[in-house]
Amino acid sequence: MSDAKYGVVGLGNALVDVLSQIPEDFIKDQNKEHGIEKGTMALIDEMRAVKLYVEMPKGTETSGGSAANTMAGYASFGGKGAYIGKIANDELGKIFAEDIISLGLHYKTQPLILGAPTGRCMILVTPDAQRTMNTFLGASVELTHLDVDEELIADAQITYLEGYLFDRNTAKEAFVKAAEYAHKANRKIALTLSDPFCVDRHRDDFLNLVENHVDILFANEDEIKSLFMQGSFNDAINAVSNHVDVAVVTRSEKGAVIANNGSKIKVDAFDVETVIDTTGAGDQFAAGFLYGYTEEYSLERCGKLGALAASEVISHIGPRPAVSLSDLVANSLK
């Protein structure tokens, strides 16, 4: 795969993240008024996004979106990557584009000229480091198969698809088109399931995508159990092994399990002195694994890189690395 121009191209929701540390009572009040469930992601409309932004304590604002965060981590490891995601032709959209490009990532998706504004995700972080996300998708859901650049997909070893984007039929078509382009060029498709409620909403479509188009699957324990409707983790792992070449399933402090050709590789989590914010842990685990995979490392080392990246991101506020992950590898993994 050394002939590829890029290691990974990510395809997902292009959002601006608004992160705020809040007391537990704030979530309880929001649950009573709006049905917000702690630790999950809920889709909200523009009016609700404006209201929540006013009500939540002042926080930090950065370009985000799950796949974009993964690509930021991938670039921090030293990987050469690209990104596909829809923004609007507005101020937040310009900020997003400039930030993505500043990371060294290739980004050329045409902005939406008329219609919804650039999307944003309100991330509420409670004292136990759990994150509750309220997302106004905005322009990001206007991405279609026409935005999927065949030449770019063919130029990447792996195309990484974000499950959060899967809520619209146009996005589902874009995923299939990306998979067709990738496999036509003898490249690989990776998918992250993103959220158990997203899986619940689109289980049949996800299963079809995984069965027919996905080579590498990323999920956490709840997501993989939801996808295959299994009550136990072991049963879910056994089920996924029959569908993809590689499955990477994270389990928080329990580490992760990599399933490949009937074998299971256990990856231990790195010790973290204080967990501050779990936002982006799965995204950065994927970044580390994908970097190792495109460098043709063993699956065990790919998993260790993922665990290292996840341990870094949960030690501070925000879903992206606060330090160079390539330097962290040099100092932590031999």
Protein backbone atom coordinates (compact mmCIF):
# COMPACT_ATOMS: atom_id res chain seq x y z
CA MET A 1 0.00 0.00 0.00
CA SER A 2 3.08 2.25 -0.15
CA ASP A 3 1.91 3.69 -3.48
CA ALA A 4 -0.91 5.61 -1.74
CA LYS A 5 -0.59 9.39 -1.44
CA TYR A 6 -2.44 9.41 1.89
CA GLY A 7 -2.62 6.98 4.75
CA VAL A 8 -6.22 7.75 5.73
CA VAL A 9 -9.03 9.93 4.43
CA GLY A 10 -11.78 10.56 6.99
CA LEU A 11 -15.41 11.14 6.02
CA GLY A 12 -17.77 12.56 8.64
CA ASN A 13 -19.74 15.39 10.21
CA ALA A 14 -17.82 18.66 10.03
CA LEU A 15 -18.73 20.38 13.30
CA VAL A 16 -17.48 22.98 15.72
CA ASP A 17 -17.24 21.54 19.25
CA VAL A 18 -18.32 23.65 22.23
CA LEU A 19 -17.05 21.99 25.43
CA SER A 20 -18.12 23.02 28.92
CA GLN A 21 -17.53 21.56 32.38
CA ILE A 22 -20.83 21.47 34.23
CA PRO A 23 -22.17 20.23 37.59
CA GLU A 24 -24.21 17.02 37.77
CA ASP A 25 -27.36 19.02 38.54
CA PHE A 26 -27.14 20.75 35.16
CA ILE A 27 -27.58 17.41 33.39
CA LYS A 28 -30.44 16.45 35.71
CA ASP A 29 -32.23 19.71 34.95
CA GLN A 30 -31.70 19.27 31.21
CA ASN A 31 -33.01 15.71 31.47
CA LYS A 32 -36.21 16.87 33.12
CA GLU A 33 -36.80 19.64 30.61
CA HIS A 34 -35.48 18.12 27.39
CA GLY A 35 -34.94 14.40 28.05
CA ILE A 36 -31.16 14.60 27.72
CA GLU A 37 -29.62 11.31 28.87
CA LYS A 38 -26.20 11.46 30.45
CA GLY A 39 -23.35 9.92 28.48
CA THR A 40 -25.14 9.84 25.12
CA MET A 41 -25.39 11.95 21.98
CA ALA A 42 -28.72 13.60 21.11
CA LEU A 43 -29.56 15.41 17.89
CA ILE A 44 -31.08 18.87 18.41
CA ASP A 45 -32.45 21.58 16.13
CA GLU A 46 -31.01 25.03 15.58
CA MET A 47 -33.34 26.73 18.08
CA ARG A 48 -32.45 24.26 20.82
CA ALA A 49 -28.74 24.66 20.01
CA VAL A 50 -28.95 28.43 20.49
CA LYS A 51 -30.86 28.04 23.78
CA LEU A 52 -28.43 25.46 25.18
CA TYR A 53 -25.45 27.57 24.16
CA VAL A 54 -26.85 30.45 26.23
CA GLU A 55 -27.65 28.24 29.24
CA MET A 56 -24.39 26.25 29.47
CA PRO A 57 -21.33 27.71 31.22
CA LYS A 58 -18.76 29.34 28.97
CA GLY A 59 -16.43 26.74 27.50
CA THR A 60 -13.90 26.15 24.75
CA GLU A 61 -14.70 26.14 21.03
CA THR A 62 -12.72 24.10 18.54
CA SER A 63 -13.30 22.49 15.18
CA GLY A 64 -14.53 18.96 15.71
CA GLY A 65 -16.65 16.05 14.62
CA SER A 66 -15.67 12.46 15.39
CA ALA A 67 -13.83 11.59 12.18
CA ALA A 68 -12.18 15.02 12.07
CA ASN A 69 -10.89 14.44 15.61
CA THR A 70 -9.51 11.07 14.54
CA MET A 71 -7.77 12.66 11.59
CA ALA A 72 -6.27 15.31 13.88
CA GLY A 73 -4.85 12.52 16.01
CA TYR A 74 -3.63 10.64 12.94
CA ALA A 75 -1.77 13.77 11.79
CA SER A 76 -0.29 14.19 15.29
CA PHE A 77 1.24 10.72 15.00
CA GLY A 78 2.88 11.86 11.78
CA GLY A 79 0.39 10.36 9.35
CA LYS A 80 -0.47 12.03 6.06
CA GLY A 81 -4.25 12.32 5.81
CA ALA A 82 -7.24 14.01 4.22
CA TYR A 83 -10.79 14.83 5.22
CA ILE A 84 -14.21 15.05 3.58
CA GLY A 85 -16.97 16.91 5.43
CA LYS A 86 -19.61 19.54 4.67
CA ILE A 87 -19.54 23.03 6.15
CA ALA A 88 -21.48 26.18 5.29
CA ASN A 89 -20.06 29.28 3.69
CA ASP A 90 -20.07 31.13 7.02
CA GLU A 91 -17.66 32.22 9.75
CA LEU A 92 -17.73 28.93 11.66
CA GLY A 93 -17.20 27.08 8.40
CA LYS A 94 -14.13 29.16 7.62
CA ILE A 95 -12.76 28.52 11.10
CA PHE A 96 -13.30 24.79 10.67
CA ALA A 97 -11.57 24.68 7.27
CA GLU A 98 -8.60 26.75 8.39
CA ASP A 99 -8.13 24.58 11.47
CA ILE A 100 -8.26 21.29 9.54
CA ILE A 101 -5.78 22.54 6.96
CA SER A 102 -3.48 23.89 9.69
CA LEU A 103 -3.09 20.31 10.96
CA GLY A 104 -1.53 19.34 7.64
CA LEU A 105 -4.64 17.57 6.38
CA HIS A 106 -5.88 17.84 2.80
CA TYR A 107 -9.38 19.39 2.78
CA LYS A 108 -11.20 20.54 -0.35
CA THR A 109 -14.93 19.77 0.23
CA GLN A 110 -17.05 22.50 -1.35
CA PRO A 111 -19.01 24.49 1.29
CA LEU A 112 -22.79 24.75 1.26
CA ILE A 113 -23.71 28.14 -0.24
CA LEU A 114 -27.40 28.26 0.71
CA GLY A 115 -29.23 26.56 3.56
CA ALA A 116 -28.23 25.48 7.04
CA PRO A 117 -25.27 27.02 8.91
CA THR A 118 -22.17 25.07 9.91
CA GLY A 119 -23.03 22.42 12.50
CA ARG A 120 -21.90 22.42 16.10
CA CYS A 121 -21.77 19.96 19.00
CA MET A 122 -22.42 21.06 22.60
CA ILE A 123 -20.39 18.77 24.87
CA LEU A 124 -21.28 18.80 28.56
CA VAL A 125 -18.61 17.29 30.79
CA THR A 126 -19.63 16.26 34.32
CA PRO A 127 -17.22 15.90 37.29
CA ASP A 128 -16.97 12.13 36.68
CA ALA A 129 -15.48 12.93 33.22
CA GLN A 130 -18.52 11.60 31.34
CA ARG A 131 -19.53 13.60 28.29
CA THR A 132 -23.08 14.25 27.15
CA MET A 133 -23.35 15.58 23.61
CA ASN A 134 -26.08 17.64 22.01
CA THR A 135 -25.49 18.03 18.31
CA PHE A 136 -26.96 20.41 15.76
CA LEU A 137 -25.77 18.87 12.53
CA GLY A 138 -26.47 21.88 10.31
CA ALA A 139 -24.70 21.84 6.96
CA SER A 140 -22.82 18.62 7.75
CA VAL A 141 -25.82 16.43 6.85
CA GLU A 142 -25.96 17.95 3.37
CA LEU A 143 -22.97 15.86 2.35
CA THR A 144 -23.85 13.58 -0.59
CA HIS A 145 -22.13 11.09 -2.87
CA LEU A 146 -21.20 14.06 -5.07
CA ASP A 147 -18.83 15.23 -2.32
CA VAL A 148 -17.01 11.89 -2.33
CA ASP A 149 -13.92 12.47 -4.44
CA GLU A 150 -13.06 9.23 -6.26
CA GLU A 151 -9.47 10.28 -6.92
CA LEU A 152 -8.95 11.19 -3.26
CA ILE A 153 -10.42 7.88 -2.06
CA ALA A 154 -8.21 5.97 -4.50
CA ASP A 155 -5.20 7.90 -3.19
CA ALA A 156 -5.72 6.73 0.42
CA GLN A 157 -4.79 3.39 1.96
CA ILE A 158 -7.90 3.54 4.17
CA THR A 159 -11.15 5.51 4.00
CA TYR A 160 -12.53 5.99 7.52
CA LEU A 161 -16.31 6.44 7.81
CA GLU A 162 -18.01 8.10 10.80
CA GLY A 163 -21.20 6.37 11.98
CA TYR A 164 -22.69 9.61 13.31
CA LEU A 165 -23.13 10.72 9.69
CA PHE A 166 -25.35 7.73 8.95
CA ASP A 167 -28.69 9.33 9.92
CA ARG A 168 -29.57 10.47 6.39
CA ASN A 169 -30.09 8.39 3.27
CA THR A 170 -27.82 10.71 1.28
CA ALA A 171 -24.99 9.93 3.71
CA LYS A 172 -25.65 6.21 3.45
CA GLU A 173 -25.34 6.55 -0.32
CA ALA A 174 -22.10 8.49 0.15
CA PHE A 175 -20.68 5.70 2.34
CA VAL A 176 -21.49 3.04 -0.25
CA LYS A 177 -20.03 5.18 -3.03
CA ALA A 178 -16.83 5.70 -1.00
CA ALA A 179 -16.60 1.95 -0.41
CA GLU A 180 -17.05 1.23 -4.10
CA TYR A 181 -14.31 3.71 -5.02
CA ALA A 182 -11.96 2.32 -2.36
CA HIS A 183 -12.37 -1.34 -3.26
CA LYS A 184 -12.14 -0.55 -6.96
CA ALA A 185 -8.68 0.87 -6.20
CA ASN A 186 -7.82 -2.08 -3.93
CA ARG A 187 -7.98 0.11 -0.81
CA LYS A 188 -9.69 -0.56 2.53
CA ILE A 189 -12.79 0.80 4.27
CA ALA A 190 -12.94 1.39 8.02
CA LEU A 191 -16.11 2.30 9.91
CA THR A 192 -16.71 3.52 13.44
CA LEU A 193 -20.18 2.82 14.84
CA SER A 194 -20.00 6.05 16.91
CA ASP A 195 -23.00 5.64 19.24
CA PRO A 196 -25.29 2.78 20.42
CA PHE A 197 -28.43 4.84 19.80
CA CYS A 198 -27.24 5.56 16.26
CA VAL A 199 -26.82 1.79 15.81
CA ASP A 200 -30.31 1.18 17.23
CA ARG A 201 -31.82 3.60 14.70
CA HIS A 202 -30.10 2.07 11.67
CA ARG A 203 -29.19 -1.49 12.67
CA ASP A 204 -30.20 -3.16 9.40
CA ASP A 205 -28.39 -0.59 7.28
CA PHE A 206 -25.28 -0.80 9.47
CA LEU A 207 -25.29 -4.58 9.24
CA ASN A 208 -25.57 -4.39 5.47
CA LEU A 209 -22.69 -1.89 5.33
CA VAL A 210 -20.51 -4.00 7.62
CA GLU A 211 -21.32 -7.25 5.81
CA ASN A 212 -20.71 -5.95 2.30
CA HIS A 213 -18.37 -2.97 2.45
CA VAL A 214 -16.30 -2.74 5.65
CA ASP A 215 -12.82 -4.19 6.21
CA ILE A 216 -12.02 -2.67 9.63
CA LEU A 217 -14.71 -1.97 12.24
CA PHE A 218 -14.33 0.25 15.31
CA ALA A 219 -16.85 0.14 18.15
CA ASN A 220 -17.14 0.26 21.91
CA GLU A 221 -18.68 -2.52 23.97
CA ASP A 222 -22.21 -1.09 23.98
CA GLU A 223 -22.17 -0.43 20.24
CA ILE A 224 -21.01 -3.90 19.23
CA LYS A 225 -23.57 -5.54 21.52
CA SER A 226 -26.28 -3.34 20.03
CA LEU A 227 -25.27 -4.07 16.44
CA PHE A 228 -25.51 -7.83 16.86
CA MET A 229 -28.22 -7.72 19.57
CA GLN A 230 -26.11 -9.74 21.96
CA GLY A 231 -26.32 -9.53 25.74
CA SER A 232 -22.70 -10.49 26.40
CA PHE A 233 -19.48 -8.98 25.14
CA ASN A 234 -17.99 -12.37 24.19
CA ASP A 235 -21.02 -13.27 22.08
CA ALA A 236 -20.82 -9.92 20.29
CA ILE A 237 -17.09 -10.36 19.59
CA ASN A 238 -17.70 -13.84 18.22
CA ALA A 239 -20.47 -12.46 15.98
CA VAL A 240 -18.42 -9.61 14.53
CA SER A 241 -15.53 -11.95 13.73
CA ASN A 242 -17.67 -13.48 10.99
CA HIS A 243 -18.27 -10.17 9.24
CA VAL A 244 -15.05 -8.13 8.97
CA ASP A 245 -11.32 -8.74 8.61
CA VAL A 246 -10.48 -6.70 11.71
CA ALA A 247 -12.73 -5.52 14.55
CA VAL A 248 -11.43 -3.15 17.22
CA VAL A 249 -13.67 -2.93 20.29
CA THR A 250 -12.82 -0.55 23.14
CA ARG A 251 -13.90 -1.18 26.74
CA SER A 252 -12.89 2.00 28.63
CA GLU A 253 -10.60 1.14 31.58
CA LYS A 254 -10.67 -2.53 30.53
CA GLY A 255 -8.70 -1.65 27.41
CA ALA A 256 -9.72 -3.13 24.08
CA VAL A 257 -10.04 -6.36 22.13
CA ILE A 258 -8.95 -6.79 18.51
CA ALA A 259 -10.62 -9.63 16.63
CA ASN A 260 -8.88 -10.92 13.51
CA ASN A 261 -9.39 -14.22 11.67
CA GLY A 262 -10.78 -15.95 14.73
CA SER A 263 -8.05 -14.74 17.07
CA LYS A 264 -8.55 -12.17 19.85
CA ILE A 265 -5.83 -9.76 20.97
CA LYS A 266 -6.35 -8.05 24.32
CA VAL A 267 -4.97 -4.52 24.67
CA ASP A 268 -4.54 -3.08 28.14
CA ALA A 269 -5.48 0.50 28.90
CA PHE A 270 -2.69 2.86 29.97
CA ASP A 271 -2.84 4.16 33.52
CA VAL A 272 -4.09 7.73 33.78
CA GLU A 273 -3.55 9.63 37.02
CA THR A 274 -6.76 11.65 36.71
CA VAL A 275 -9.45 11.19 34.07
CA ILE A 276 -10.64 14.70 33.18
CA ASP A 277 -12.79 14.26 30.07
CA THR A 278 -13.61 11.10 28.10
CA THR A 279 -14.59 13.10 25.01
CA GLY A 280 -12.64 11.81 22.03
CA ALA A 281 -11.25 8.67 23.67
CA GLY A 282 -12.66 6.40 20.98
CA ASP A 283 -11.70 8.84 18.24
CA GLN A 284 -8.08 8.91 19.37
CA PHE A 285 -7.92 5.15 19.88
CA ALA A 286 -8.93 4.86 16.22
CA ALA A 287 -6.27 7.42 15.27
CA GLY A 288 -3.52 5.42 16.92
CA PHE A 289 -4.71 2.11 15.51
CA LEU A 290 -5.06 3.49 11.99
CA TYR A 291 -1.61 5.07 12.12
CA GLY A 292 -0.09 1.77 13.14
CA TYR A 293 -2.06 -0.10 10.50
CA THR A 294 -0.97 2.22 7.67
CA GLU A 295 2.62 1.83 8.89
CA GLU A 296 2.12 -1.96 8.67
CA TYR A 297 2.74 -2.57 12.39
CA SER A 298 1.44 -5.67 14.14
CA LEU A 299 -2.18 -5.51 15.30
CA GLU A 300 -0.96 -5.66 18.91
CA ARG A 301 1.21 -2.57 18.43
CA CYS A 302 -1.61 -0.82 16.56
CA GLY A 303 -3.76 -1.40 19.63
CA LYS A 304 -1.07 -0.06 21.97
CA LEU A 305 -0.82 3.12 19.89
CA GLY A 306 -4.59 3.48 20.14
CA ALA A 307 -4.56 2.97 23.91
CA LEU A 308 -1.75 5.50 24.30
CA ALA A 309 -3.61 8.14 22.29
CA ALA A 310 -6.80 7.50 24.26
CA SER A 311 -4.95 7.85 27.58
CA GLU A 312 -3.54 11.20 26.48
CA VAL A 313 -6.86 12.70 25.41
CA ILE A 314 -8.80 11.72 28.55
CA SER A 315 -6.22 13.47 30.74
CA HIS A 316 -7.39 16.94 29.63
CA ILE A 317 -10.42 18.81 28.33
CA GLY A 318 -11.05 18.42 24.61
CA PRO A 319 -11.25 15.63 22.02
CA ARG A 320 -7.87 16.17 20.36
CA PRO A 321 -4.27 15.62 21.52
CA ALA A 322 -2.73 18.38 23.62
CA VAL A 323 0.78 17.13 22.84
CA SER A 324 2.51 15.62 19.82
CA LEU A 325 1.50 11.96 19.71
CA SER A 326 4.63 11.11 17.74
CA ASP A 327 6.72 12.52 20.60
CA LEU A 328 4.57 10.67 23.12
CA VAL A 329 5.22 7.39 21.31
CA ALA A 330 8.96 8.04 21.30
CA ASN A 331 8.91 8.63 25.06
CA SER A 332 6.42 5.93 26.07
CA LEU A 333 6.65 2.98 23.64
CA LYS A 334 9.87 1.30 22.62
